[in-house]
Amino acid sequence: MVGGLHSRSEGMHHACMTTVVVRDLPDDIHRKLQERARDAGQSLQQYLTVQLARLATTPTLDEVINRITTRSGGRVGFQQAVADLDADRD
């Protein structure tokens, strides 16, 4: 924000955002989320946005397994695998 006005990119960014409403959230869950947001130095909205983005961008186990099963080739011998692991540990 510059001089009390949002820049054009900020305004456009917010104009395209979607609103999500969560109904019937148990009070204890709401309190815990507020506590975590406070501990992270964020508003509840900021905290939930980060958590939802992480949830959406982290592949599920099914997605990972599917990705693995569709790959072919790239076989590495046992000795090479051991050498690579040893190199990573150093």
PDB file of N, CA and C in Angstrom:
ATOM      1  N   MET A   1       0.849  -1.168   0.000  1.00  0.00           N
ATOM      2  CA  MET A   1       0.000   0.000   0.000  1.00  0.00           C
ATOM      3  C   MET A   1       0.893   1.230   0.000  1.00  0.00           C
ATOM      4  N   VAL A   2       0.625   2.162  -0.875  1.00  0.00           N
ATOM      5  CA  VAL A   2       1.421   3.373  -0.995  1.00  0.00           C
ATOM      6  C   VAL A   2       0.511   4.570  -0.757  1.00  0.00           C
ATOM      7  N   GLY A   3       0.879   5.439   0.219  1.00  0.00           N
ATOM      8  CA  GLY A   3       0.092   6.643   0.482  1.00  0.00           C
ATOM      9  C   GLY A   3      -1.358   6.361   0.824  1.00  0.00           C
ATOM     10  N   GLY A   4      -1.641   5.226   1.449  1.00  0.00           N
ATOM     11  CA  GLY A   4      -3.006   4.896   1.832  1.00  0.00           C
ATOM     12  C   GLY A   4      -3.818   4.264   0.720  1.00  0.00           C
ATOM     13  N   LEU A   5      -3.238   4.138  -0.464  1.00  0.00           N
ATOM     14  CA  LEU A   5      -3.958   3.533  -1.582  1.00  0.00           C
ATOM     15  C   LEU A   5      -3.315   2.209  -1.961  1.00  0.00           C
ATOM     16  N   HIS A   6      -4.125   1.250  -2.306  1.00  0.00           N
ATOM     17  CA  HIS A   6      -3.597  -0.016  -2.783  1.00  0.00           C
ATOM     18  C   HIS A   6      -3.072   0.168  -4.196  1.00  0.00           C
ATOM     19  N   SER A   7      -1.965  -0.495  -4.487  1.00  0.00           N
ATOM     20  CA  SER A   7      -1.460  -0.438  -5.851  1.00  0.00           C
ATOM     21  C   SER A   7      -2.429  -1.194  -6.752  1.00  0.00           C
ATOM     22  N   ARG A   8      -2.333  -0.981  -8.038  1.00  0.00           N
ATOM     23  CA  ARG A   8      -3.210  -1.645  -8.996  1.00  0.00           C
ATOM     24  C   ARG A   8      -3.079  -3.164  -8.886  1.00  0.00           C
ATOM     25  N   SER A   9      -1.840  -3.664  -8.724  1.00  0.00           N
ATOM     26  CA  SER A   9      -1.653  -5.106  -8.646  1.00  0.00           C
ATOM     27  C   SER A   9      -2.283  -5.668  -7.385  1.00  0.00           C
ATOM     28  N   GLU A  10      -2.222  -4.935  -6.265  1.00  0.00           N
ATOM     29  CA  GLU A  10      -2.859  -5.403  -5.038  1.00  0.00           C
ATOM     30  C   GLU A  10      -4.368  -5.462  -5.222  1.00  0.00           C
ATOM     31  N   GLY A  11      -4.916  -4.437  -5.825  1.00  0.00           N
ATOM     32  CA  GLY A  11      -6.356  -4.400  -6.057  1.00  0.00           C
ATOM     33  C   GLY A  11      -6.804  -5.525  -6.967  1.00  0.00           C
ATOM     34  N   MET A  12      -6.038  -5.788  -8.010  1.00  0.00           N
ATOM     35  CA  MET A  12      -6.376  -6.863  -8.931  1.00  0.00           C
ATOM     36  C   MET A  12      -6.232  -8.207  -8.243  1.00  0.00           C
ATOM     37  N   HIS A  13      -5.215  -8.330  -7.409  1.00  0.00           N
ATOM     38  CA  HIS A  13      -4.984  -9.586  -6.703  1.00  0.00           C
ATOM     39  C   HIS A  13      -6.191  -9.928  -5.833  1.00  0.00           C
ATOM     40  N   HIS A  14      -6.663  -8.953  -5.076  1.00  0.00           N
ATOM     41  CA  HIS A  14      -7.784  -9.194  -4.180  1.00  0.00           C
ATOM     42  C   HIS A  14      -9.098  -9.322  -4.941  1.00  0.00           C
ATOM     43  N   ALA A  15      -9.208  -8.683  -6.080  1.00  0.00           N
ATOM     44  CA  ALA A  15     -10.448  -8.743  -6.848  1.00  0.00           C
ATOM     45  C   ALA A  15     -10.712 -10.144  -7.376  1.00  0.00           C
ATOM     46  N   CYS A  16      -9.679 -10.945  -7.543  1.00  0.00           N
ATOM     47  CA  CYS A  16      -9.830 -12.281  -8.100  1.00  0.00           C
ATOM     48  C   CYS A  16      -9.893 -13.366  -7.032  1.00  0.00           C
ATOM     49  N   MET A  17      -9.873 -12.983  -5.765  1.00  0.00           N
ATOM     50  CA  MET A  17      -9.857 -13.960  -4.687  1.00  0.00           C
ATOM     51  C   MET A  17     -11.254 -14.530  -4.469  1.00  0.00           C
ATOM     52  N   THR A  18     -11.295 -15.784  -4.068  1.00  0.00           N
ATOM     53  CA  THR A  18     -12.539 -16.465  -3.759  1.00  0.00           C
ATOM     54  C   THR A  18     -12.743 -16.471  -2.253  1.00  0.00           C
ATOM     55  N   THR A  19     -13.969 -16.378  -1.833  1.00  0.00           N
ATOM     56  CA  THR A  19     -14.305 -16.428  -0.423  1.00  0.00           C
ATOM     57  C   THR A  19     -14.807 -17.822  -0.087  1.00  0.00           C
ATOM     58  N   VAL A  20     -14.327 -18.353   1.025  1.00  0.00           N
ATOM     59  CA  VAL A  20     -14.767 -19.657   1.502  1.00  0.00           C
ATOM     60  C   VAL A  20     -15.398 -19.455   2.871  1.00  0.00           C
ATOM     61  N   VAL A  21     -16.565 -20.032   3.077  1.00  0.00           N
ATOM     62  CA  VAL A  21     -17.250 -19.957   4.359  1.00  0.00           C
ATOM     63  C   VAL A  21     -17.272 -21.358   4.955  1.00  0.00           C
ATOM     64  N   VAL A  22     -16.855 -21.471   6.199  1.00  0.00           N
ATOM     65  CA  VAL A  22     -16.885 -22.755   6.898  1.00  0.00           C
ATOM     66  C   VAL A  22     -17.979 -22.667   7.950  1.00  0.00           C
ATOM     67  N   ARG A  23     -18.968 -23.508   7.826  1.00  0.00           N
ATOM     68  CA  ARG A  23     -20.088 -23.511   8.770  1.00  0.00           C
ATOM     69  C   ARG A  23     -19.926 -24.661   9.764  1.00  0.00           C
ATOM     70  N   ASP A  24     -20.525 -24.484  10.918  1.00  0.00           N
ATOM     71  CA  ASP A  24     -20.588 -25.521  11.946  1.00  0.00           C
ATOM     72  C   ASP A  24     -19.217 -25.992  12.415  1.00  0.00           C
ATOM     73  N   LEU A  25     -18.260 -25.073  12.486  1.00  0.00           N
ATOM     74  CA  LEU A  25     -16.933 -25.388  13.005  1.00  0.00           C
ATOM     75  C   LEU A  25     -17.021 -25.449  14.527  1.00  0.00           C
ATOM     76  N   PRO A  26     -16.647 -26.557  15.133  1.00  0.00           N
ATOM     77  CA  PRO A  26     -16.720 -26.652  16.590  1.00  0.00           C
ATOM     78  C   PRO A  26     -15.884 -25.551  17.258  1.00  0.00           C
ATOM     79  N   ASP A  27     -16.380 -25.053  18.382  1.00  0.00           N
ATOM     80  CA  ASP A  27     -15.711 -23.956  19.085  1.00  0.00           C
ATOM     81  C   ASP A  27     -14.279 -24.294  19.466  1.00  0.00           C
ATOM     82  N   ASP A  28     -14.029 -25.528  19.901  1.00  0.00           N
ATOM     83  CA  ASP A  28     -12.667 -25.889  20.311  1.00  0.00           C
ATOM     84  C   ASP A  28     -11.706 -25.870  19.125  1.00  0.00           C
ATOM     85  N   ILE A  29     -12.178 -26.246  17.950  1.00  0.00           N
ATOM     86  CA  ILE A  29     -11.344 -26.197  16.745  1.00  0.00           C
ATOM     87  C   ILE A  29     -11.069 -24.743  16.373  1.00  0.00           C
ATOM     88  N   HIS A  30     -12.075 -23.901  16.448  1.00  0.00           N
ATOM     89  CA  HIS A  30     -11.909 -22.481  16.142  1.00  0.00           C
ATOM     90  C   HIS A  30     -10.894 -21.846  17.087  1.00  0.00           C
ATOM     91  N   ARG A  31     -11.003 -22.150  18.385  1.00  0.00           N
ATOM     92  CA  ARG A  31     -10.048 -21.601  19.351  1.00  0.00           C
ATOM     93  C   ARG A  31      -8.629 -22.069  19.049  1.00  0.00           C
ATOM     94  N   LYS A  32      -8.476 -23.336  18.713  1.00  0.00           N
ATOM     95  CA  LYS A  32      -7.137 -23.870  18.414  1.00  0.00           C
ATOM     96  C   LYS A  32      -6.550 -23.185  17.177  1.00  0.00           C
ATOM     97  N   LEU A  33      -7.353 -22.979  16.161  1.00  0.00           N
ATOM     98  CA  LEU A  33      -6.879 -22.303  14.949  1.00  0.00           C
ATOM     99  C   LEU A  33      -6.502 -20.855  15.248  1.00  0.00           C
ATOM    100  N   GLN A  34      -7.303 -20.183  16.063  1.00  0.00           N
ATOM    101  CA  GLN A  34      -6.971 -18.811  16.450  1.00  0.00           C
ATOM    102  C   GLN A  34      -5.655 -18.778  17.224  1.00  0.00           C
ATOM    103  N   GLU A  35      -5.463 -19.740  18.107  1.00  0.00           N
ATOM    104  CA  GLU A  35      -4.224 -19.823  18.883  1.00  0.00           C
ATOM    105  C   GLU A  35      -3.021 -20.037  17.959  1.00  0.00           C
ATOM    106  N   ARG A  36      -3.159 -20.932  17.007  1.00  0.00           N
ATOM    107  CA  ARG A  36      -2.054 -21.184  16.074  1.00  0.00           C
ATOM    108  C   ARG A  36      -1.758 -19.967  15.208  1.00  0.00           C
ATOM    109  N   ALA A  37      -2.803 -19.278  14.785  1.00  0.00           N
ATOM    110  CA  ALA A  37      -2.616 -18.056  13.997  1.00  0.00           C
ATOM    111  C   ALA A  37      -1.876 -17.012  14.821  1.00  0.00           C
ATOM    112  N   ARG A  38      -2.295 -16.831  16.057  1.00  0.00           N
ATOM    113  CA  ARG A  38      -1.647 -15.857  16.947  1.00  0.00           C
ATOM    114  C   ARG A  38      -0.177 -16.225  17.157  1.00  0.00           C
ATOM    115  N   ASP A  39       0.086 -17.521  17.402  1.00  0.00           N
ATOM    116  CA  ASP A  39       1.465 -17.972  17.604  1.00  0.00           C
ATOM    117  C   ASP A  39       2.323 -17.755  16.365  1.00  0.00           C
ATOM    118  N   ALA A  40       1.701 -17.804  15.186  1.00  0.00           N
ATOM    119  CA  ALA A  40       2.418 -17.580  13.927  1.00  0.00           C
ATOM    120  C   ALA A  40       2.507 -16.095  13.577  1.00  0.00           C
ATOM    121  N   GLY A  41       1.895 -15.251  14.406  1.00  0.00           N
ATOM    122  CA  GLY A  41       1.921 -13.816  14.139  1.00  0.00           C
ATOM    123  C   GLY A  41       1.043 -13.430  12.962  1.00  0.00           C
ATOM    124  N   GLN A  42      -0.024 -14.171  12.760  1.00  0.00           N
ATOM    125  CA  GLN A  42      -0.914 -13.929  11.623  1.00  0.00           C
ATOM    126  C   GLN A  42      -2.349 -13.774  12.107  1.00  0.00           C
ATOM    127  N   SER A  43      -3.144 -13.157  11.252  1.00  0.00           N
ATOM    128  CA  SER A  43      -4.581 -13.156  11.506  1.00  0.00           C
ATOM    129  C   SER A  43      -5.091 -14.562  11.199  1.00  0.00           C
ATOM    130  N   LEU A  44      -6.282 -14.864  11.670  1.00  0.00           N
ATOM    131  CA  LEU A  44      -6.857 -16.176  11.376  1.00  0.00           C
ATOM    132  C   LEU A  44      -6.999 -16.360   9.860  1.00  0.00           C
ATOM    133  N   GLN A  45      -7.400 -15.326   9.168  1.00  0.00           N
ATOM    134  CA  GLN A  45      -7.546 -15.411   7.708  1.00  0.00           C
ATOM    135  C   GLN A  45      -6.208 -15.703   7.041  1.00  0.00           C
ATOM    136  N   GLN A  46      -5.166 -14.998   7.444  1.00  0.00           N
ATOM    137  CA  GLN A  46      -3.842 -15.244   6.863  1.00  0.00           C
ATOM    138  C   GLN A  46      -3.380 -16.669   7.144  1.00  0.00           C
ATOM    139  N   TYR A  47      -3.550 -17.100   8.382  1.00  0.00           N
ATOM    140  CA  TYR A  47      -3.124 -18.443   8.766  1.00  0.00           C
ATOM    141  C   TYR A  47      -3.856 -19.508   7.953  1.00  0.00           C
ATOM    142  N   LEU A  48      -5.171 -19.380   7.853  1.00  0.00           N
ATOM    143  CA  LEU A  48      -5.955 -20.367   7.108  1.00  0.00           C
ATOM    144  C   LEU A  48      -5.630 -20.344   5.623  1.00  0.00           C
ATOM    145  N   THR A  49      -5.343 -19.167   5.082  1.00  0.00           N
ATOM    146  CA  THR A  49      -4.968 -19.077   3.668  1.00  0.00           C
ATOM    147  C   THR A  49      -3.673 -19.845   3.420  1.00  0.00           C
ATOM    148  N   VAL A  50      -2.691 -19.680   4.294  1.00  0.00           N
ATOM    149  CA  VAL A  50      -1.427 -20.402   4.156  1.00  0.00           C
ATOM    150  C   VAL A  50      -1.659 -21.911   4.279  1.00  0.00           C
ATOM    151  N   GLN A  51      -2.441 -22.313   5.276  1.00  0.00           N
ATOM    152  CA  GLN A  51      -2.688 -23.740   5.489  1.00  0.00           C
ATOM    153  C   GLN A  51      -3.462 -24.363   4.332  1.00  0.00           C
ATOM    154  N   LEU A  52      -4.452 -23.661   3.812  1.00  0.00           N
ATOM    155  CA  LEU A  52      -5.219 -24.183   2.675  1.00  0.00           C
ATOM    156  C   LEU A  52      -4.358 -24.246   1.419  1.00  0.00           C
ATOM    157  N   ALA A  53      -3.482 -23.260   1.231  1.00  0.00           N
ATOM    158  CA  ALA A  53      -2.576 -23.297   0.080  1.00  0.00           C
ATOM    159  C   ALA A  53      -1.641 -24.489   0.192  1.00  0.00           C
ATOM    160  N   ARG A  54      -1.130 -24.746   1.392  1.00  0.00           N
ATOM    161  CA  ARG A  54      -0.260 -25.904   1.601  1.00  0.00           C
ATOM    162  C   ARG A  54      -1.012 -27.201   1.331  1.00  0.00           C
ATOM    163  N   LEU A  55      -2.231 -27.276   1.810  1.00  0.00           N
ATOM    164  CA  LEU A  55      -3.057 -28.467   1.586  1.00  0.00           C
ATOM    165  C   LEU A  55      -3.299 -28.691   0.097  1.00  0.00           C
ATOM    166  N   ALA A  56      -3.568 -27.617  -0.634  1.00  0.00           N
ATOM    167  CA  ALA A  56      -3.878 -27.726  -2.059  1.00  0.00           C
ATOM    168  C   ALA A  56      -2.655 -28.036  -2.912  1.00  0.00           C
ATOM    169  N   THR A  57      -1.471 -27.623  -2.470  1.00  0.00           N
ATOM    170  CA  THR A  57      -0.279 -27.803  -3.297  1.00  0.00           C
ATOM    171  C   THR A  57       0.551 -29.023  -2.919  1.00  0.00           C
ATOM    172  N   THR A  58       0.251 -29.641  -1.791  1.00  0.00           N
ATOM    173  CA  THR A  58       0.961 -30.857  -1.393  1.00  0.00           C
ATOM    174  C   THR A  58       0.267 -32.046  -2.040  1.00  0.00           C
ATOM    175  N   PRO A  59       1.004 -32.836  -2.813  1.00  0.00           N
ATOM    176  CA  PRO A  59       0.342 -33.968  -3.473  1.00  0.00           C
ATOM    177  C   PRO A  59      -0.148 -34.998  -2.460  1.00  0.00           C
ATOM    178  N   THR A  60      -1.291 -35.582  -2.763  1.00  0.00           N
ATOM    179  CA  THR A  60      -1.818 -36.643  -1.923  1.00  0.00           C
ATOM    180  C   THR A  60      -0.996 -37.908  -2.143  1.00  0.00           C
ATOM    181  N   LEU A  61      -1.145 -38.866  -1.264  1.00  0.00           N
ATOM    182  CA  LEU A  61      -0.445 -40.134  -1.420  1.00  0.00           C
ATOM    183  C   LEU A  61      -0.836 -40.790  -2.740  1.00  0.00           C
ATOM    184  N   ASP A  62      -2.110 -40.751  -3.086  1.00  0.00           N
ATOM    185  CA  ASP A  62      -2.556 -41.328  -4.361  1.00  0.00           C
ATOM    186  C   ASP A  62      -1.893 -40.639  -5.552  1.00  0.00           C
ATOM    187  N   GLU A  63      -1.742 -39.310  -5.492  1.00  0.00           N
ATOM    188  CA  GLU A  63      -1.090 -38.583  -6.583  1.00  0.00           C
ATOM    189  C   GLU A  63       0.378 -38.973  -6.699  1.00  0.00           C
ATOM    190  N   VAL A  64       1.051 -39.133  -5.570  1.00  0.00           N
ATOM    191  CA  VAL A  64       2.462 -39.527  -5.592  1.00  0.00           C
ATOM    192  C   VAL A  64       2.604 -40.931  -6.165  1.00  0.00           C
ATOM    193  N   ILE A  65       1.785 -41.846  -5.692  1.00  0.00           N
ATOM    194  CA  ILE A  65       1.850 -43.226  -6.194  1.00  0.00           C
ATOM    195  C   ILE A  65       1.557 -43.266  -7.683  1.00  0.00           C
ATOM    196  N   ASN A  66       0.565 -42.518  -8.130  1.00  0.00           N
ATOM    197  CA  ASN A  66       0.245 -42.476  -9.559  1.00  0.00           C
ATOM    198  C   ASN A  66       1.413 -41.933 -10.371  1.00  0.00           C
ATOM    199  N   ARG A  67       2.057 -40.905  -9.869  1.00  0.00           N
ATOM    200  CA  ARG A  67       3.210 -40.318 -10.554  1.00  0.00           C
ATOM    201  C   ARG A  67       4.348 -41.342 -10.660  1.00  0.00           C
ATOM    202  N   ILE A  68       4.565 -42.077  -9.583  1.00  0.00           N
ATOM    203  CA  ILE A  68       5.624 -43.085  -9.570  1.00  0.00           C
ATOM    204  C   ILE A  68       5.332 -44.193 -10.563  1.00  0.00           C
ATOM    205  N   THR A  69       4.094 -44.657 -10.586  1.00  0.00           N
ATOM    206  CA  THR A  69       3.756 -45.791 -11.455  1.00  0.00           C
ATOM    207  C   THR A  69       3.770 -45.421 -12.935  1.00  0.00           C
ATOM    208  N   THR A  70       3.640 -44.145 -13.251  1.00  0.00           N
ATOM    209  CA  THR A  70       3.654 -43.748 -14.661  1.00  0.00           C
ATOM    210  C   THR A  70       5.058 -43.476 -15.188  1.00  0.00           C
ATOM    211  N   ARG A  71       6.032 -43.470 -14.308  1.00  0.00           N
ATOM    212  CA  ARG A  71       7.414 -43.244 -14.743  1.00  0.00           C
ATOM    213  C   ARG A  71       8.038 -44.546 -15.193  1.00  0.00           C
ATOM    214  N   SER A  72       8.952 -44.421 -16.134  1.00  0.00           N
ATOM    215  CA  SER A  72       9.665 -45.611 -16.596  1.00  0.00           C
ATOM    216  C   SER A  72      11.140 -45.273 -16.745  1.00  0.00           C
ATOM    217  N   GLY A  73      11.943 -46.313 -16.758  1.00  0.00           N
ATOM    218  CA  GLY A  73      13.377 -46.109 -16.945  1.00  0.00           C
ATOM    219  C   GLY A  73      14.031 -45.576 -15.693  1.00  0.00           C
ATOM    220  N   GLY A  74      15.240 -45.112 -15.856  1.00  0.00           N
ATOM    221  CA  GLY A  74      15.962 -44.503 -14.764  1.00  0.00           C
ATOM    222  C   GLY A  74      16.463 -45.491 -13.730  1.00  0.00           C
ATOM    223  N   ARG A  75      16.735 -46.682 -14.116  1.00  0.00           N
ATOM    224  CA  ARG A  75      17.212 -47.675 -13.152  1.00  0.00           C
ATOM    225  C   ARG A  75      18.664 -47.381 -12.768  1.00  0.00           C
ATOM    226  N   VAL A  76      18.923 -47.535 -11.479  1.00  0.00           N
ATOM    227  CA  VAL A  76      20.255 -47.308 -10.936  1.00  0.00           C
ATOM    228  C   VAL A  76      20.676 -48.592 -10.235  1.00  0.00           C
ATOM    229  N   GLY A  77      21.903 -48.985 -10.448  1.00  0.00           N
ATOM    230  CA  GLY A  77      22.410 -50.185  -9.793  1.00  0.00           C
ATOM    231  C   GLY A  77      22.562 -49.974  -8.298  1.00  0.00           C
ATOM    232  N   PHE A  78      22.630 -51.085  -7.567  1.00  0.00           N
ATOM    233  CA  PHE A  78      22.731 -51.044  -6.117  1.00  0.00           C
ATOM    234  C   PHE A  78      23.954 -50.259  -5.665  1.00  0.00           C
ATOM    235  N   GLN A  79      25.105 -50.553  -6.233  1.00  0.00           N
ATOM    236  CA  GLN A  79      26.337 -49.874  -5.827  1.00  0.00           C
ATOM    237  C   GLN A  79      26.251 -48.367  -6.065  1.00  0.00           C
ATOM    238  N   GLN A  80      25.662 -47.979  -7.191  1.00  0.00           N
ATOM    239  CA  GLN A  80      25.519 -46.546  -7.476  1.00  0.00           C
ATOM    240  C   GLN A  80      24.567 -45.893  -6.483  1.00  0.00           C
ATOM    241  N   ALA A  81      23.484 -46.581  -6.137  1.00  0.00           N
ATOM    242  CA  ALA A  81      22.532 -46.041  -5.171  1.00  0.00           C
ATOM    243  C   ALA A  81      23.199 -45.834  -3.816  1.00  0.00           C
ATOM    244  N   VAL A  82      23.990 -46.797  -3.377  1.00  0.00           N
ATOM    245  CA  VAL A  82      24.704 -46.681  -2.106  1.00  0.00           C
ATOM    246  C   VAL A  82      25.690 -45.513  -2.160  1.00  0.00           C
ATOM    247  N   ALA A  83      26.407 -45.393  -3.253  1.00  0.00           N
ATOM    248  CA  ALA A  83      27.372 -44.291  -3.403  1.00  0.00           C
ATOM    249  C   ALA A  83      26.659 -42.942  -3.381  1.00  0.00           C
ATOM    250  N   ASP A  84      25.520 -42.852  -4.043  1.00  0.00           N
ATOM    251  CA  ASP A  84      24.752 -41.600  -4.052  1.00  0.00           C
ATOM    252  C   ASP A  84      24.266 -41.243  -2.660  1.00  0.00           C
ATOM    253  N   LEU A  85      23.778 -42.226  -1.921  1.00  0.00           N
ATOM    254  CA  LEU A  85      23.313 -41.979  -0.553  1.00  0.00           C
ATOM    255  C   LEU A  85      24.469 -41.530   0.335  1.00  0.00           C
ATOM    256  N   ASP A  86      25.618 -42.192   0.201  1.00  0.00           N
ATOM    257  CA  ASP A  86      26.788 -41.797   0.980  1.00  0.00           C
ATOM    258  C   ASP A  86      27.216 -40.371   0.662  1.00  0.00           C
ATOM    259  N   ALA A  87      27.152 -40.005  -0.597  1.00  0.00           N
ATOM    260  CA  ALA A  87      27.527 -38.646  -1.017  1.00  0.00           C
ATOM    261  C   ALA A  87      26.558 -37.624  -0.421  1.00  0.00           C
ATOM    262  N   ASP A  88      25.284 -37.962  -0.359  1.00  0.00           N
ATOM    263  CA  ASP A  88      24.287 -37.045   0.215  1.00  0.00           C
ATOM    264  C   ASP A  88      24.492 -36.848   1.709  1.00  0.00           C
ATOM    265  N   ARG A  89      24.994 -37.852   2.379  1.00  0.00           N
ATOM    266  CA  ARG A  89      25.199 -37.778   3.838  1.00  0.00           C
ATOM    267  C   ARG A  89      26.394 -36.942   4.211  1.00  0.00           C
ATOM    268  N   ASP A  90      27.327 -36.760   3.297  1.00  0.00           N
ATOM    269  CA  ASP A  90      28.551 -35.997   3.596  1.00  0.00           C
ATOM    270  C   ASP A  90      28.346 -34.526   3.549  1.00  0.00           C
TER     271      ASP A  90
END
